[in-house]
Amino acid sequence: MPRIKDYFGGDIVIHKVLSTFGMGESMVAEKLATLESQLPPYIRLAYLPGYGMVKLRLTGRGSEKARLEEEINRFYEDLKAP
């Protein structure tokens, strides 16, 4: 395990996905521009378009699991707000 950890790095990665329906990727991105600009550099937002929907994936990478989960959950709740 230590060699695997050294090879891939010791960061913890957390993903949370939210699905939206009825809006295109550019419209969703426009609505989330302010929120996206508030994300710290270790949390990223990905737009994953599909037929009639856009999935939003928050990905956090860090070394402190509890802190990272708390921040990801906070931004996830902000994504869900209308």
PDB file of N, CA and C in Angstrom:
ATOM      1  N   MET A   1       0.800  -1.204   0.000  1.00  0.00           N
ATOM      2  CA  MET A   1       0.000   0.000   0.000  1.00  0.00           C
ATOM      3  C   MET A   1       0.847   1.275   0.000  1.00  0.00           C
ATOM      4  N   PRO A   2       1.920   1.339   0.778  1.00  0.00           N
ATOM      5  CA  PRO A   2       2.702   2.583   0.757  1.00  0.00           C
ATOM      6  C   PRO A   2       3.245   2.921  -0.626  1.00  0.00           C
ATOM      7  N   ARG A   3       3.681   1.912  -1.382  1.00  0.00           N
ATOM      8  CA  ARG A   3       4.192   2.195  -2.735  1.00  0.00           C
ATOM      9  C   ARG A   3       3.081   2.684  -3.641  1.00  0.00           C
ATOM     10  N   ILE A   4       1.901   2.116  -3.519  1.00  0.00           N
ATOM     11  CA  ILE A   4       0.763   2.572  -4.327  1.00  0.00           C
ATOM     12  C   ILE A   4       0.432   4.020  -3.958  1.00  0.00           C
ATOM     13  N   LYS A   5       0.402   4.312  -2.671  1.00  0.00           N
ATOM     14  CA  LYS A   5       0.119   5.673  -2.207  1.00  0.00           C
ATOM     15  C   LYS A   5       1.166   6.654  -2.725  1.00  0.00           C
ATOM     16  N   ASP A   6       2.433   6.262  -2.682  1.00  0.00           N
ATOM     17  CA  ASP A   6       3.497   7.128  -3.201  1.00  0.00           C
ATOM     18  C   ASP A   6       3.359   7.357  -4.700  1.00  0.00           C
ATOM     19  N   TYR A   7       2.971   6.314  -5.424  1.00  0.00           N
ATOM     20  CA  TYR A   7       2.846   6.404  -6.876  1.00  0.00           C
ATOM     21  C   TYR A   7       1.688   7.318  -7.278  1.00  0.00           C
ATOM     22  N   PHE A   8       0.522   7.130  -6.637  1.00  0.00           N
ATOM     23  CA  PHE A   8      -0.672   7.883  -7.017  1.00  0.00           C
ATOM     24  C   PHE A   8      -0.856   9.165  -6.211  1.00  0.00           C
ATOM     25  N   GLY A   9      -0.087   9.341  -5.178  1.00  0.00           N
ATOM     26  CA  GLY A   9      -0.255  10.513  -4.326  1.00  0.00           C
ATOM     27  C   GLY A   9      -1.149  10.184  -3.144  1.00  0.00           C
ATOM     28  N   GLY A  10      -1.033  10.949  -2.105  1.00  0.00           N
ATOM     29  CA  GLY A  10      -1.771  10.659  -0.886  1.00  0.00           C
ATOM     30  C   GLY A  10      -3.067  11.421  -0.742  1.00  0.00           C
ATOM     31  N   ASP A  11      -3.474  12.159  -1.760  1.00  0.00           N
ATOM     32  CA  ASP A  11      -4.684  12.957  -1.651  1.00  0.00           C
ATOM     33  C   ASP A  11      -5.940  12.094  -1.618  1.00  0.00           C
ATOM     34  N   ILE A  12      -6.919  12.592  -0.893  1.00  0.00           N
ATOM     35  CA  ILE A  12      -8.249  12.003  -0.867  1.00  0.00           C
ATOM     36  C   ILE A  12      -9.051  12.690  -1.966  1.00  0.00           C
ATOM     37  N   VAL A  13      -9.852  11.924  -2.691  1.00  0.00           N
ATOM     38  CA  VAL A  13     -10.690  12.485  -3.750  1.00  0.00           C
ATOM     39  C   VAL A  13     -12.146  12.167  -3.415  1.00  0.00           C
ATOM     40  N   ILE A  14     -12.981  13.198  -3.438  1.00  0.00           N
ATOM     41  CA  ILE A  14     -14.403  13.039  -3.159  1.00  0.00           C
ATOM     42  C   ILE A  14     -15.184  13.625  -4.327  1.00  0.00           C
ATOM     43  N   HIS A  15     -16.187  12.871  -4.804  1.00  0.00           N
ATOM     44  CA  HIS A  15     -17.077  13.326  -5.880  1.00  0.00           C
ATOM     45  C   HIS A  15     -18.502  13.383  -5.351  1.00  0.00           C
ATOM     46  N   LYS A  16     -19.235  14.359  -5.816  1.00  0.00           N
ATOM     47  CA  LYS A  16     -20.684  14.427  -5.590  1.00  0.00           C
ATOM     48  C   LYS A  16     -21.296  14.874  -6.902  1.00  0.00           C
ATOM     49  N   VAL A  17     -22.388  14.214  -7.306  1.00  0.00           N
ATOM     50  CA  VAL A  17     -23.009  14.496  -8.600  1.00  0.00           C
ATOM     51  C   VAL A  17     -24.457  14.918  -8.403  1.00  0.00           C
ATOM     52  N   LEU A  18     -24.862  15.952  -9.135  1.00  0.00           N
ATOM     53  CA  LEU A  18     -26.231  16.445  -9.136  1.00  0.00           C
ATOM     54  C   LEU A  18     -26.694  16.486 -10.587  1.00  0.00           C
ATOM     55  N   SER A  19     -27.898  16.004 -10.850  1.00  0.00           N
ATOM     56  CA  SER A  19     -28.440  16.012 -12.216  1.00  0.00           C
ATOM     57  C   SER A  19     -29.443  17.144 -12.376  1.00  0.00           C
ATOM     58  N   THR A  20     -29.357  17.841 -13.514  1.00  0.00           N
ATOM     59  CA  THR A  20     -30.328  18.876 -13.866  1.00  0.00           C
ATOM     60  C   THR A  20     -31.040  18.433 -15.134  1.00  0.00           C
ATOM     61  N   PHE A  21     -32.270  18.909 -15.311  1.00  0.00           N
ATOM     62  CA  PHE A  21     -33.053  18.530 -16.479  1.00  0.00           C
ATOM     63  C   PHE A  21     -33.700  19.768 -17.080  1.00  0.00           C
ATOM     64  N   GLY A  22     -33.812  19.791 -18.401  1.00  0.00           N
ATOM     65  CA  GLY A  22     -34.548  20.842 -19.085  1.00  0.00           C
ATOM     66  C   GLY A  22     -33.768  22.101 -19.415  1.00  0.00           C
ATOM     67  N   MET A  23     -32.500  22.169 -19.083  1.00  0.00           N
ATOM     68  CA  MET A  23     -31.674  23.327 -19.422  1.00  0.00           C
ATOM     69  C   MET A  23     -30.405  22.840 -20.093  1.00  0.00           C
ATOM     70  N   GLY A  24     -29.920  23.620 -21.034  1.00  0.00           N
ATOM     71  CA  GLY A  24     -28.673  23.285 -21.696  1.00  0.00           C
ATOM     72  C   GLY A  24     -27.470  23.623 -20.838  1.00  0.00           C
ATOM     73  N   GLU A  25     -26.323  23.111 -21.254  1.00  0.00           N
ATOM     74  CA  GLU A  25     -25.084  23.306 -20.503  1.00  0.00           C
ATOM     75  C   GLU A  25     -24.746  24.785 -20.325  1.00  0.00           C
ATOM     76  N   SER A  26     -24.888  25.578 -21.375  1.00  0.00           N
ATOM     77  CA  SER A  26     -24.518  26.994 -21.272  1.00  0.00           C
ATOM     78  C   SER A  26     -25.440  27.750 -20.326  1.00  0.00           C
ATOM     79  N   MET A  27     -26.722  27.399 -20.304  1.00  0.00           N
ATOM     80  CA  MET A  27     -27.661  28.054 -19.399  1.00  0.00           C
ATOM     81  C   MET A  27     -27.338  27.695 -17.938  1.00  0.00           C
ATOM     82  N   VAL A  28     -27.028  26.439 -17.698  1.00  0.00           N
ATOM     83  CA  VAL A  28     -26.658  26.013 -16.351  1.00  0.00           C
ATOM     84  C   VAL A  28     -25.372  26.716 -15.925  1.00  0.00           C
ATOM     85  N   ALA A  29     -24.391  26.779 -16.808  1.00  0.00           N
ATOM     86  CA  ALA A  29     -23.118  27.428 -16.501  1.00  0.00           C
ATOM     87  C   ALA A  29     -23.327  28.913 -16.184  1.00  0.00           C
ATOM     88  N   GLU A  30     -24.210  29.552 -16.920  1.00  0.00           N
ATOM     89  CA  GLU A  30     -24.495  30.971 -16.679  1.00  0.00           C
ATOM     90  C   GLU A  30     -25.103  31.171 -15.295  1.00  0.00           C
ATOM     91  N   LYS A  31     -26.033  30.296 -14.913  1.00  0.00           N
ATOM     92  CA  LYS A  31     -26.670  30.397 -13.598  1.00  0.00           C
ATOM     93  C   LYS A  31     -25.696  30.115 -12.456  1.00  0.00           C
ATOM     94  N   LEU A  32     -24.673  29.324 -12.721  1.00  0.00           N
ATOM     95  CA  LEU A  32     -23.742  28.919 -11.666  1.00  0.00           C
ATOM     96  C   LEU A  32     -22.412  29.674 -11.698  1.00  0.00           C
ATOM     97  N   ALA A  33     -22.302  30.682 -12.529  1.00  0.00           N
ATOM     98  CA  ALA A  33     -21.029  31.396 -12.689  1.00  0.00           C
ATOM     99  C   ALA A  33     -20.517  31.967 -11.369  1.00  0.00           C
ATOM    100  N   THR A  34     -21.397  32.579 -10.588  1.00  0.00           N
ATOM    101  CA  THR A  34     -20.977  33.170  -9.318  1.00  0.00           C
ATOM    102  C   THR A  34     -20.517  32.095  -8.347  1.00  0.00           C
ATOM    103  N   LEU A  35     -21.299  31.034  -8.231  1.00  0.00           N
ATOM    104  CA  LEU A  35     -20.928  29.933  -7.335  1.00  0.00           C
ATOM    105  C   LEU A  35     -19.603  29.310  -7.768  1.00  0.00           C
ATOM    106  N   GLU A  36     -19.446  29.100  -9.059  1.00  0.00           N
ATOM    107  CA  GLU A  36     -18.220  28.479  -9.556  1.00  0.00           C
ATOM    108  C   GLU A  36     -16.990  29.348  -9.265  1.00  0.00           C
ATOM    109  N   SER A  37     -17.154  30.649  -9.312  1.00  0.00           N
ATOM    110  CA  SER A  37     -16.023  31.543  -9.029  1.00  0.00           C
ATOM    111  C   SER A  37     -15.646  31.528  -7.540  1.00  0.00           C
ATOM    112  N   GLN A  38     -16.533  31.059  -6.685  1.00  0.00           N
ATOM    113  CA  GLN A  38     -16.269  30.997  -5.248  1.00  0.00           C
ATOM    114  C   GLN A  38     -15.606  29.686  -4.820  1.00  0.00           C
ATOM    115  N   LEU A  39     -15.497  28.735  -5.738  1.00  0.00           N
ATOM    116  CA  LEU A  39     -14.895  27.445  -5.391  1.00  0.00           C
ATOM    117  C   LEU A  39     -13.407  27.621  -5.115  1.00  0.00           C
ATOM    118  N   PRO A  40     -12.917  26.973  -4.063  1.00  0.00           N
ATOM    119  CA  PRO A  40     -11.470  27.013  -3.825  1.00  0.00           C
ATOM    120  C   PRO A  40     -10.747  26.200  -4.898  1.00  0.00           C
ATOM    121  N   PRO A  41      -9.452  26.400  -5.062  1.00  0.00           N
ATOM    122  CA  PRO A  41      -8.723  25.720  -6.150  1.00  0.00           C
ATOM    123  C   PRO A  41      -8.704  24.193  -6.043  1.00  0.00           C
ATOM    124  N   TYR A  42      -8.959  23.644  -4.884  1.00  0.00           N
ATOM    125  CA  TYR A  42      -8.938  22.190  -4.716  1.00  0.00           C
ATOM    126  C   TYR A  42     -10.309  21.548  -4.902  1.00  0.00           C
ATOM    127  N   ILE A  43     -11.321  22.354  -5.260  1.00  0.00           N
ATOM    128  CA  ILE A  43     -12.647  21.827  -5.598  1.00  0.00           C
ATOM    129  C   ILE A  43     -12.980  22.304  -7.006  1.00  0.00           C
ATOM    130  N   ARG A  44     -13.365  21.374  -7.849  1.00  0.00           N
ATOM    131  CA  ARG A  44     -13.687  21.699  -9.248  1.00  0.00           C
ATOM    132  C   ARG A  44     -15.117  21.293  -9.566  1.00  0.00           C
ATOM    133  N   LEU A  45     -15.702  22.016 -10.492  1.00  0.00           N
ATOM    134  CA  LEU A  45     -17.049  21.727 -10.962  1.00  0.00           C
ATOM    135  C   LEU A  45     -16.969  21.325 -12.423  1.00  0.00           C
ATOM    136  N   ALA A  46     -17.509  20.143 -12.736  1.00  0.00           N
ATOM    137  CA  ALA A  46     -17.518  19.661 -14.118  1.00  0.00           C
ATOM    138  C   ALA A  46     -18.961  19.619 -14.619  1.00  0.00           C
ATOM    139  N   TYR A  47     -19.146  20.028 -15.855  1.00  0.00           N
ATOM    140  CA  TYR A  47     -20.444  19.958 -16.533  1.00  0.00           C
ATOM    141  C   TYR A  47     -20.405  18.743 -17.443  1.00  0.00           C
ATOM    142  N   LEU A  48     -21.342  17.822 -17.218  1.00  0.00           N
ATOM    143  CA  LEU A  48     -21.378  16.575 -17.984  1.00  0.00           C
ATOM    144  C   LEU A  48     -22.710  16.508 -18.721  1.00  0.00           C
ATOM    145  N   PRO A  49     -22.777  17.065 -19.944  1.00  0.00           N
ATOM    146  CA  PRO A  49     -24.048  17.115 -20.664  1.00  0.00           C
ATOM    147  C   PRO A  49     -24.468  15.749 -21.203  1.00  0.00           C
ATOM    148  N   GLY A  50     -25.757  15.561 -21.226  1.00  0.00           N
ATOM    149  CA  GLY A  50     -26.352  14.365 -21.812  1.00  0.00           C
ATOM    150  C   GLY A  50     -27.644  14.769 -22.493  1.00  0.00           C
ATOM    151  N   TYR A  51     -28.366  13.823 -23.009  1.00  0.00           N
ATOM    152  CA  TYR A  51     -29.610  14.120 -23.721  1.00  0.00           C
ATOM    153  C   TYR A  51     -30.656  14.651 -22.747  1.00  0.00           C
ATOM    154  N   GLY A  52     -30.995  15.950 -22.862  1.00  0.00           N
ATOM    155  CA  GLY A  52     -32.021  16.561 -22.028  1.00  0.00           C
ATOM    156  C   GLY A  52     -31.609  16.820 -20.590  1.00  0.00           C
ATOM    157  N   MET A  53     -30.329  16.665 -20.280  1.00  0.00           N
ATOM    158  CA  MET A  53     -29.888  16.864 -18.911  1.00  0.00           C
ATOM    159  C   MET A  53     -28.422  17.281 -18.862  1.00  0.00           C
ATOM    160  N   VAL A  54     -28.031  17.819 -17.739  1.00  0.00           N
ATOM    161  CA  VAL A  54     -26.632  18.138 -17.481  1.00  0.00           C
ATOM    162  C   VAL A  54     -26.328  17.666 -16.059  1.00  0.00           C
ATOM    163  N   LYS A  55     -25.346  16.816 -15.933  1.00  0.00           N
ATOM    164  CA  LYS A  55     -24.900  16.409 -14.600  1.00  0.00           C
ATOM    165  C   LYS A  55     -23.811  17.366 -14.160  1.00  0.00           C
ATOM    166  N   LEU A  56     -23.852  17.726 -12.889  1.00  0.00           N
ATOM    167  CA  LEU A  56     -22.847  18.602 -12.301  1.00  0.00           C
ATOM    168  C   LEU A  56     -22.054  17.766 -11.309  1.00  0.00           C
ATOM    169  N   ARG A  57     -20.753  17.684 -11.527  1.00  0.00           N
ATOM    170  CA  ARG A  57     -19.917  16.875 -10.641  1.00  0.00           C
ATOM    171  C   ARG A  57     -18.933  17.768  -9.899  1.00  0.00           C
ATOM    172  N   LEU A  58     -19.053  17.766  -8.592  1.00  0.00           N
ATOM    173  CA  LEU A  58     -18.082  18.441  -7.743  1.00  0.00           C
ATOM    174  C   LEU A  58     -17.005  17.437  -7.389  1.00  0.00           C
ATOM    175  N   THR A  59     -15.766  17.815  -7.561  1.00  0.00           N
ATOM    176  CA  THR A  59     -14.637  16.956  -7.200  1.00  0.00           C
ATOM    177  C   THR A  59     -13.715  17.741  -6.292  1.00  0.00           C
ATOM    178  N   GLY A  60     -13.481  17.177  -5.128  1.00  0.00           N
ATOM    179  CA  GLY A  60     -12.565  17.787  -4.172  1.00  0.00           C
ATOM    180  C   GLY A  60     -11.364  16.888  -3.967  1.00  0.00           C
ATOM    181  N   ARG A  61     -10.218  17.494  -3.825  1.00  0.00           N
ATOM    182  CA  ARG A  61      -8.971  16.738  -3.623  1.00  0.00           C
ATOM    183  C   ARG A  61      -8.215  17.410  -2.486  1.00  0.00           C
ATOM    184  N   GLY A  62      -7.858  16.610  -1.472  1.00  0.00           N
ATOM    185  CA  GLY A  62      -7.129  17.163  -0.345  1.00  0.00           C
ATOM    186  C   GLY A  62      -6.634  16.076   0.592  1.00  0.00           C
ATOM    187  N   SER A  63      -6.080  16.499   1.704  1.00  0.00           N
ATOM    188  CA  SER A  63      -5.506  15.537   2.638  1.00  0.00           C
ATOM    189  C   SER A  63      -6.350  15.360   3.894  1.00  0.00           C
ATOM    190  N   GLU A  64      -7.277  16.277   4.150  1.00  0.00           N
ATOM    191  CA  GLU A  64      -8.124  16.203   5.341  1.00  0.00           C
ATOM    192  C   GLU A  64      -9.538  15.817   4.937  1.00  0.00           C
ATOM    193  N   LYS A  65      -9.884  14.555   5.144  1.00  0.00           N
ATOM    194  CA  LYS A  65     -11.157  14.022   4.664  1.00  0.00           C
ATOM    195  C   LYS A  65     -12.364  14.755   5.255  1.00  0.00           C
ATOM    196  N   ALA A  66     -12.404  14.952   6.559  1.00  0.00           N
ATOM    197  CA  ALA A  66     -13.568  15.576   7.200  1.00  0.00           C
ATOM    198  C   ALA A  66     -13.791  16.993   6.681  1.00  0.00           C
ATOM    199  N   ARG A  67     -12.729  17.762   6.576  1.00  0.00           N
ATOM    200  CA  ARG A  67     -12.840  19.143   6.084  1.00  0.00           C
ATOM    201  C   ARG A  67     -13.290  19.178   4.631  1.00  0.00           C
ATOM    202  N   LEU A  68     -12.730  18.287   3.830  1.00  0.00           N
ATOM    203  CA  LEU A  68     -13.077  18.227   2.414  1.00  0.00           C
ATOM    204  C   LEU A  68     -14.540  17.821   2.228  1.00  0.00           C
ATOM    205  N   GLU A  69     -14.992  16.829   2.966  1.00  0.00           N
ATOM    206  CA  GLU A  69     -16.399  16.404   2.879  1.00  0.00           C
ATOM    207  C   GLU A  69     -17.335  17.539   3.269  1.00  0.00           C
ATOM    208  N   GLU A  70     -16.984  18.267   4.313  1.00  0.00           N
ATOM    209  CA  GLU A  70     -17.807  19.382   4.770  1.00  0.00           C
ATOM    210  C   GLU A  70     -17.927  20.447   3.686  1.00  0.00           C
ATOM    211  N   GLU A  71     -16.818  20.796   3.063  1.00  0.00           N
ATOM    212  CA  GLU A  71     -16.842  21.823   2.019  1.00  0.00           C
ATOM    213  C   GLU A  71     -17.588  21.345   0.778  1.00  0.00           C
ATOM    214  N   ILE A  72     -17.352  20.105   0.370  1.00  0.00           N
ATOM    215  CA  ILE A  72     -18.060  19.560  -0.798  1.00  0.00           C
ATOM    216  C   ILE A  72     -19.563  19.567  -0.530  1.00  0.00           C
ATOM    217  N   ASN A  73     -19.969  19.145   0.659  1.00  0.00           N
ATOM    218  CA  ASN A  73     -21.393  19.120   1.003  1.00  0.00           C
ATOM    219  C   ASN A  73     -21.998  20.518   1.004  1.00  0.00           C
ATOM    220  N   ARG A  74     -21.242  21.499   1.481  1.00  0.00           N
ATOM    221  CA  ARG A  74     -21.736  22.882   1.495  1.00  0.00           C
ATOM    222  C   ARG A  74     -21.965  23.389   0.071  1.00  0.00           C
ATOM    223  N   PHE A  75     -20.993  23.175  -0.816  1.00  0.00           N
ATOM    224  CA  PHE A  75     -21.150  23.617  -2.199  1.00  0.00           C
ATOM    225  C   PHE A  75     -22.238  22.814  -2.921  1.00  0.00           C
ATOM    226  N   TYR A  76     -22.381  21.543  -2.573  1.00  0.00           N
ATOM    227  CA  TYR A  76     -23.425  20.704  -3.163  1.00  0.00           C
ATOM    228  C   TYR A  76     -24.800  21.280  -2.811  1.00  0.00           C
ATOM    229  N   GLU A  77     -24.987  21.668  -1.551  1.00  0.00           N
ATOM    230  CA  GLU A  77     -26.264  22.271  -1.133  1.00  0.00           C
ATOM    231  C   GLU A  77     -26.496  23.586  -1.865  1.00  0.00           C
ATOM    232  N   ASP A  78     -25.440  24.362  -2.083  1.00  0.00           N
ATOM    233  CA  ASP A  78     -25.575  25.603  -2.848  1.00  0.00           C
ATOM    234  C   ASP A  78     -25.982  25.322  -4.292  1.00  0.00           C
ATOM    235  N   LEU A  79     -25.483  24.231  -4.864  1.00  0.00           N
ATOM    236  CA  LEU A  79     -25.867  23.853  -6.229  1.00  0.00           C
ATOM    237  C   LEU A  79     -27.351  23.507  -6.299  1.00  0.00           C
ATOM    238  N   LYS A  80     -27.843  22.870  -5.271  1.00  0.00           N
ATOM    239  CA  LYS A  80     -29.258  22.449  -5.254  1.00  0.00           C
ATOM    240  C   LYS A  80     -30.214  23.603  -5.059  1.00  0.00           C
ATOM    241  N   ALA A  81     -29.755  24.719  -4.482  1.00  0.00           N
ATOM    242  CA  ALA A  81     -30.627  25.870  -4.226  1.00  0.00           C
ATOM    243  C   ALA A  81     -31.076  26.463  -5.557  1.00  0.00           C
ATOM    244  N   PRO A  82     -32.328  26.901  -5.618  1.00  0.00           N
ATOM    245  CA  PRO A  82     -32.837  27.457  -6.896  1.00  0.00           C
ATOM    246  C   PRO A  82     -32.172  28.755  -7.302  1.00  0.00           C
TER     247      PRO A  82
END
